[in-house]
N, C-alpha and C. Protein backbone atom coordinates (compact mmCIF):
# COMPACT_ATOMS: atom_id res chain seq x y z
N MET A 1 -14.43 -10.06 -18.81
CA MET A 1 -14.48 -8.78 -18.13
C MET A 1 -14.52 -7.67 -19.20
N PRO A 2 -15.48 -6.78 -19.11
CA PRO A 2 -15.57 -5.70 -20.09
C PRO A 2 -14.31 -4.82 -20.07
N LEU A 3 -14.04 -4.24 -21.21
CA LEU A 3 -12.85 -3.41 -21.37
C LEU A 3 -12.82 -2.24 -20.40
N LEU A 4 -13.94 -1.60 -20.17
CA LEU A 4 -14.00 -0.47 -19.25
C LEU A 4 -13.67 -0.90 -17.82
N ALA A 5 -14.17 -2.05 -17.41
CA ALA A 5 -13.88 -2.55 -16.07
C ALA A 5 -12.39 -2.85 -15.91
N LYS A 6 -11.76 -3.41 -16.96
CA LYS A 6 -10.32 -3.68 -16.90
C LYS A 6 -9.54 -2.37 -16.77
N ALA A 7 -9.94 -1.38 -17.54
CA ALA A 7 -9.25 -0.09 -17.50
C ALA A 7 -9.39 0.55 -16.12
N ARG A 8 -10.56 0.46 -15.54
CA ARG A 8 -10.76 1.00 -14.19
C ARG A 8 -9.93 0.24 -13.16
N GLY A 9 -9.86 -1.06 -13.31
CA GLY A 9 -9.05 -1.87 -12.40
C GLY A 9 -7.58 -1.51 -12.47
N ARG A 10 -7.08 -1.33 -13.70
CA ARG A 10 -5.67 -0.94 -13.88
C ARG A 10 -5.41 0.45 -13.30
N ALA A 11 -6.34 1.37 -13.52
CA ALA A 11 -6.17 2.73 -12.98
C ALA A 11 -6.17 2.71 -11.45
N ARG A 12 -7.06 1.91 -10.86
CA ARG A 12 -7.11 1.78 -9.40
C ARG A 12 -5.79 1.22 -8.88
N HIS A 13 -5.30 0.17 -9.55
CA HIS A 13 -4.05 -0.46 -9.13
C HIS A 13 -2.89 0.54 -9.20
N ARG A 14 -2.79 1.27 -10.30
CA ARG A 14 -1.72 2.28 -10.43
C ARG A 14 -1.82 3.33 -9.33
N ARG A 15 -3.03 3.78 -9.05
CA ARG A 15 -3.23 4.81 -8.01
C ARG A 15 -2.81 4.27 -6.65
N LEU A 16 -3.20 3.04 -6.34
CA LEU A 16 -2.87 2.47 -5.03
C LEU A 16 -1.36 2.23 -4.89
N ILE A 17 -0.69 1.80 -5.94
CA ILE A 17 0.76 1.63 -5.90
C ILE A 17 1.44 2.99 -5.72
N THR A 18 0.95 4.00 -6.43
CA THR A 18 1.52 5.35 -6.30
C THR A 18 1.37 5.86 -4.87
N LEU A 19 0.21 5.68 -4.28
CA LEU A 19 -0.01 6.15 -2.91
C LEU A 19 0.85 5.38 -1.91
N ALA A 20 1.02 4.07 -2.12
CA ALA A 20 1.89 3.29 -1.24
C ALA A 20 3.32 3.79 -1.35
N ASN A 21 3.78 4.07 -2.57
CA ASN A 21 5.12 4.62 -2.76
C ASN A 21 5.29 5.94 -2.04
N GLU A 22 4.30 6.81 -2.13
CA GLU A 22 4.37 8.11 -1.46
C GLU A 22 4.49 7.93 0.05
N LEU A 23 3.67 7.06 0.60
CA LEU A 23 3.66 6.88 2.05
C LEU A 23 4.97 6.27 2.55
N ILE A 24 5.47 5.27 1.84
CA ILE A 24 6.74 4.64 2.22
C ILE A 24 7.89 5.63 2.04
N ARG A 25 7.89 6.38 0.95
CA ARG A 25 8.95 7.37 0.70
C ARG A 25 9.00 8.41 1.80
N ASP A 26 7.84 8.85 2.25
CA ASP A 26 7.79 9.92 3.25
C ASP A 26 8.01 9.42 4.68
N ASP A 27 8.04 8.10 4.86
CA ASP A 27 8.28 7.54 6.19
C ASP A 27 9.78 7.51 6.44
N LEU A 28 10.25 8.38 7.31
CA LEU A 28 11.69 8.52 7.54
C LEU A 28 12.33 7.27 8.11
N SER A 29 11.56 6.39 8.73
CA SER A 29 12.15 5.19 9.32
C SER A 29 12.56 4.18 8.26
N THR A 30 12.12 4.34 7.00
CA THR A 30 12.54 3.39 5.97
C THR A 30 14.02 3.53 5.65
N VAL A 31 14.65 4.60 6.12
CA VAL A 31 16.08 4.79 5.90
C VAL A 31 16.87 3.64 6.53
N ASN A 32 16.44 3.18 7.68
CA ASN A 32 17.16 2.09 8.34
C ASN A 32 16.60 0.71 8.01
N GLY A 33 15.80 0.60 6.97
CA GLY A 33 15.34 -0.69 6.48
C GLY A 33 14.06 -1.21 7.10
N THR A 34 13.38 -0.40 7.87
CA THR A 34 12.10 -0.81 8.43
C THR A 34 11.09 0.30 8.13
N THR A 35 9.85 0.02 8.41
CA THR A 35 8.82 1.05 8.24
C THR A 35 7.87 1.00 9.42
N ARG A 36 7.38 2.17 9.78
CA ARG A 36 6.37 2.25 10.83
C ARG A 36 4.97 2.30 10.24
N VAL A 37 4.87 2.38 8.93
CA VAL A 37 3.58 2.45 8.27
C VAL A 37 2.85 1.12 8.44
N THR A 38 1.60 1.20 8.83
CA THR A 38 0.78 0.01 9.00
C THR A 38 -0.29 -0.03 7.91
N PRO A 39 -0.88 -1.20 7.69
CA PRO A 39 -1.99 -1.26 6.74
C PRO A 39 -3.13 -0.31 7.12
N ALA A 40 -3.38 -0.12 8.40
CA ALA A 40 -4.43 0.82 8.83
C ALA A 40 -4.06 2.25 8.44
N ASP A 41 -2.78 2.62 8.58
CA ASP A 41 -2.32 3.94 8.16
C ASP A 41 -2.55 4.13 6.66
N TYR A 42 -2.17 3.12 5.90
CA TYR A 42 -2.30 3.19 4.44
C TYR A 42 -3.77 3.28 4.03
N THR A 43 -4.63 2.49 4.68
CA THR A 43 -6.06 2.53 4.38
C THR A 43 -6.61 3.94 4.59
N ALA A 44 -6.25 4.57 5.70
CA ALA A 44 -6.71 5.93 5.98
C ALA A 44 -6.14 6.92 4.98
N TYR A 45 -4.86 6.78 4.64
CA TYR A 45 -4.21 7.67 3.68
C TYR A 45 -4.88 7.58 2.31
N VAL A 46 -5.13 6.36 1.86
CA VAL A 46 -5.77 6.15 0.55
C VAL A 46 -7.16 6.78 0.53
N PHE A 47 -7.92 6.56 1.58
CA PHE A 47 -9.27 7.13 1.60
C PHE A 47 -9.20 8.66 1.61
N GLY A 48 -8.28 9.19 2.37
CA GLY A 48 -8.14 10.64 2.44
C GLY A 48 -7.72 11.27 1.13
N CYS A 49 -6.88 10.58 0.38
CA CYS A 49 -6.39 11.13 -0.90
C CYS A 49 -7.32 10.85 -2.07
N SER A 50 -7.94 9.68 -2.08
CA SER A 50 -8.64 9.24 -3.28
C SER A 50 -10.06 8.74 -3.05
N GLN A 51 -10.51 8.73 -1.83
CA GLN A 51 -11.84 8.19 -1.49
C GLN A 51 -12.02 6.75 -1.98
N ILE A 52 -10.93 5.99 -1.95
CA ILE A 52 -10.97 4.56 -2.28
C ILE A 52 -10.98 3.80 -0.97
N ARG A 53 -11.94 2.90 -0.83
CA ARG A 53 -12.01 2.06 0.37
C ARG A 53 -11.35 0.71 0.08
N LEU A 54 -10.50 0.26 0.99
CA LEU A 54 -9.92 -1.06 0.88
C LEU A 54 -9.72 -1.63 2.27
N ASP A 55 -9.67 -2.94 2.35
CA ASP A 55 -9.49 -3.56 3.66
C ASP A 55 -8.00 -3.66 3.98
N GLU A 56 -7.71 -4.02 5.22
CA GLU A 56 -6.31 -4.03 5.66
C GLU A 56 -5.48 -5.12 4.99
N ALA A 57 -6.10 -6.22 4.59
CA ALA A 57 -5.36 -7.27 3.89
C ALA A 57 -4.88 -6.76 2.52
N GLU A 58 -5.75 -6.07 1.80
CA GLU A 58 -5.36 -5.50 0.51
C GLU A 58 -4.32 -4.40 0.71
N ALA A 59 -4.48 -3.61 1.75
CA ALA A 59 -3.52 -2.55 2.06
C ALA A 59 -2.14 -3.16 2.33
N ALA A 60 -2.10 -4.25 3.08
CA ALA A 60 -0.82 -4.92 3.37
C ALA A 60 -0.18 -5.42 2.09
N ASP A 61 -0.98 -5.94 1.16
CA ASP A 61 -0.44 -6.41 -0.12
C ASP A 61 0.23 -5.28 -0.89
N TYR A 62 -0.42 -4.13 -0.96
CA TYR A 62 0.16 -2.99 -1.68
C TYR A 62 1.42 -2.49 -0.99
N LEU A 63 1.38 -2.37 0.32
CA LEU A 63 2.58 -1.92 1.05
C LEU A 63 3.73 -2.90 0.85
N ASN A 64 3.46 -4.20 0.95
CA ASN A 64 4.50 -5.20 0.77
C ASN A 64 5.08 -5.16 -0.64
N ALA A 65 4.24 -4.94 -1.63
CA ALA A 65 4.74 -4.85 -3.01
C ALA A 65 5.74 -3.71 -3.15
N VAL A 66 5.43 -2.58 -2.56
CA VAL A 66 6.33 -1.42 -2.64
C VAL A 66 7.59 -1.66 -1.82
N LEU A 67 7.45 -2.22 -0.65
CA LEU A 67 8.62 -2.49 0.19
C LEU A 67 9.59 -3.45 -0.50
N VAL A 68 9.06 -4.52 -1.06
CA VAL A 68 9.91 -5.50 -1.74
C VAL A 68 10.58 -4.88 -2.96
N ALA A 69 9.84 -4.06 -3.71
CA ALA A 69 10.42 -3.40 -4.89
C ALA A 69 11.57 -2.47 -4.49
N ARG A 70 11.54 -1.96 -3.27
CA ARG A 70 12.60 -1.07 -2.79
C ARG A 70 13.71 -1.84 -2.07
N GLY A 71 13.60 -3.16 -2.02
CA GLY A 71 14.61 -3.96 -1.36
C GLY A 71 14.51 -3.95 0.15
N LEU A 72 13.35 -3.61 0.67
CA LEU A 72 13.12 -3.55 2.12
C LEU A 72 12.35 -4.79 2.56
N PRO A 73 12.43 -5.13 3.84
CA PRO A 73 11.68 -6.30 4.32
C PRO A 73 10.17 -6.04 4.32
N ARG A 74 9.44 -7.12 4.11
CA ARG A 74 7.98 -7.03 4.11
C ARG A 74 7.48 -6.74 5.52
N LEU A 75 6.23 -6.29 5.59
CA LEU A 75 5.59 -6.05 6.88
C LEU A 75 5.42 -7.37 7.61
N ASN A 76 5.49 -7.30 8.92
CA ASN A 76 5.20 -8.48 9.73
C ASN A 76 3.70 -8.48 9.97
N THR A 77 2.96 -9.25 9.19
CA THR A 77 1.51 -9.27 9.30
C THR A 77 1.00 -10.50 10.02
N GLU A 78 1.91 -11.28 10.62
CA GLU A 78 1.48 -12.45 11.38
C GLU A 78 0.76 -12.02 12.63
N THR A 79 -0.29 -12.73 12.96
CA THR A 79 -1.01 -12.44 14.19
C THR A 79 -0.52 -13.37 15.28
N THR A 80 -0.45 -12.87 16.48
CA THR A 80 -0.03 -13.68 17.61
C THR A 80 -1.20 -13.90 18.52
N ASN A 81 -1.34 -15.09 19.01
CA ASN A 81 -2.46 -15.44 19.91
C ASN A 81 -2.00 -15.51 21.33
């Protein structure tokens, strides 16, 4: 992988983690250990702030990383049939 591509990937990752932190921090329901933020909310927030497109699976990964780092439970991303 070229050096420039790696640098861009790291910058994208840092930006997405920062935005996930902002969204979780500003969600008042995280005070009681849960969050109302969904991957769809995060996807829209990221696009609105940075014009970065990502799918909901990647959004869930970033949100879960931030939630776990804060000692909060991960999102329930299981689908029910």
